[in-house]
Amino acid sequence: MMVEEEPRQIAKRRQKARLIDHFNHKNVVFTMARRASGDCNFLHPTTRLCTVYDQRPETCRLHPQKKSPKPGFCVYGGRVA
């Protein structure tokens, strides 16, 4: 029999690894960590492509406003010159 890990324990481990910034215990919602620039940790800095697109987190898959011009390209966090 497998025992599933509690969300609080997962959050604690992920926060320690700096993968998430915040965990809402009431709603069981994780807030992903970002770089100092505001970019997602999984966004390639020069190509602006998601480096984990095929295995991207649910928050990315479900983002209601995410409209990308091409697969793997993140429209958020783009730098304006």
Protein backbone atom coordinates (compact mmCIF):
# COMPACT_ATOMS: atom_id res chain seq x y z
CA MET A 1 0.00 0.00 0.00
CA MET A 2 1.34 3.43 -0.96
CA VAL A 3 0.88 6.37 1.33
CA GLU A 4 0.42 9.72 -0.37
CA GLU A 5 2.44 12.61 0.97
CA GLU A 6 0.60 15.49 2.61
CA PRO A 7 0.52 18.74 0.58
CA ARG A 8 2.10 20.62 3.51
CA GLN A 9 5.11 18.29 3.41
CA ILE A 10 5.42 18.66 -0.34
CA ALA A 11 5.22 22.46 0.04
CA LYS A 12 7.85 22.48 2.76
CA ARG A 13 10.25 20.48 0.57
CA ARG A 14 9.56 22.60 -2.52
CA GLN A 15 10.01 25.86 -0.60
CA LYS A 16 13.33 24.64 0.76
CA ALA A 17 14.41 23.83 -2.83
CA ARG A 18 13.18 27.33 -3.86
CA LEU A 19 10.75 25.91 -6.40
CA ILE A 20 7.73 27.64 -4.87
CA ASP A 21 7.32 30.99 -3.14
CA HIS A 22 4.10 30.37 -1.27
CA PHE A 23 1.65 27.63 -0.37
CA ASN A 24 -1.97 28.37 0.47
CA HIS A 25 -2.89 25.59 2.90
CA LYS A 26 -6.61 26.31 2.80
CA ASN A 27 -6.94 26.01 -0.99
CA VAL A 28 -3.90 23.75 -1.52
CA VAL A 29 -2.44 26.16 -4.09
CA PHE A 30 1.28 26.51 -4.78
CA THR A 31 2.79 29.75 -6.11
CA MET A 32 5.78 29.01 -8.29
CA ALA A 33 9.06 30.77 -7.56
CA ARG A 34 10.47 33.20 -10.10
CA ARG A 35 13.86 34.69 -10.83
CA ALA A 36 14.75 38.19 -9.64
CA SER A 37 13.83 39.44 -13.13
CA GLY A 38 10.29 38.09 -12.65
CA ASP A 39 10.79 35.33 -15.21
CA CYS A 40 9.67 31.80 -14.51
CA ASN A 41 12.49 29.52 -13.34
CA PHE A 42 11.76 27.22 -16.28
CA LEU A 43 11.97 29.93 -18.96
CA HIS A 44 15.13 29.87 -21.08
CA PRO A 45 16.68 33.36 -20.74
CA THR A 46 17.55 33.89 -24.42
CA THR A 47 15.11 31.80 -26.45
CA ARG A 48 12.14 32.61 -24.17
CA LEU A 49 11.06 28.98 -24.56
CA CYS A 50 9.72 26.90 -21.71
CA THR A 51 12.37 24.31 -20.83
CA VAL A 52 9.78 21.93 -19.31
CA TYR A 53 6.95 22.47 -21.81
CA ASP A 54 6.01 18.80 -22.20
CA GLN A 55 6.00 18.30 -18.43
CA ARG A 56 5.01 21.85 -17.45
CA PRO A 57 3.21 22.37 -14.15
CA GLU A 58 -0.56 22.40 -14.00
CA THR A 59 -0.56 26.12 -13.21
CA CYS A 60 0.98 26.77 -16.64
CA ARG A 61 -1.39 24.38 -18.40
CA LEU A 62 -4.45 25.97 -16.83
CA HIS A 63 -3.49 29.63 -17.02
CA PRO A 64 -6.60 31.24 -18.54
CA GLN A 65 -4.83 34.03 -20.40
CA LYS A 66 -1.88 32.11 -21.75
CA LYS A 67 -2.04 32.53 -25.50
CA SER A 68 1.21 31.56 -27.14
CA PRO A 69 2.24 32.30 -30.74
CA LYS A 70 4.12 28.98 -30.91
CA PRO A 71 4.38 25.82 -28.78
CA GLY A 72 6.78 26.19 -25.90
CA PHE A 73 7.04 29.99 -26.14
CA CYS A 74 6.03 31.86 -23.01
CA VAL A 75 4.26 35.14 -23.67
CA TYR A 76 4.79 36.32 -20.11
CA GLY A 77 7.95 37.98 -18.82
CA GLY A 78 9.05 39.28 -22.20
CA ARG A 79 11.53 42.11 -22.02
CA VAL A 80 10.67 45.37 -23.69
CA ALA A 81 13.65 47.11 -25.24
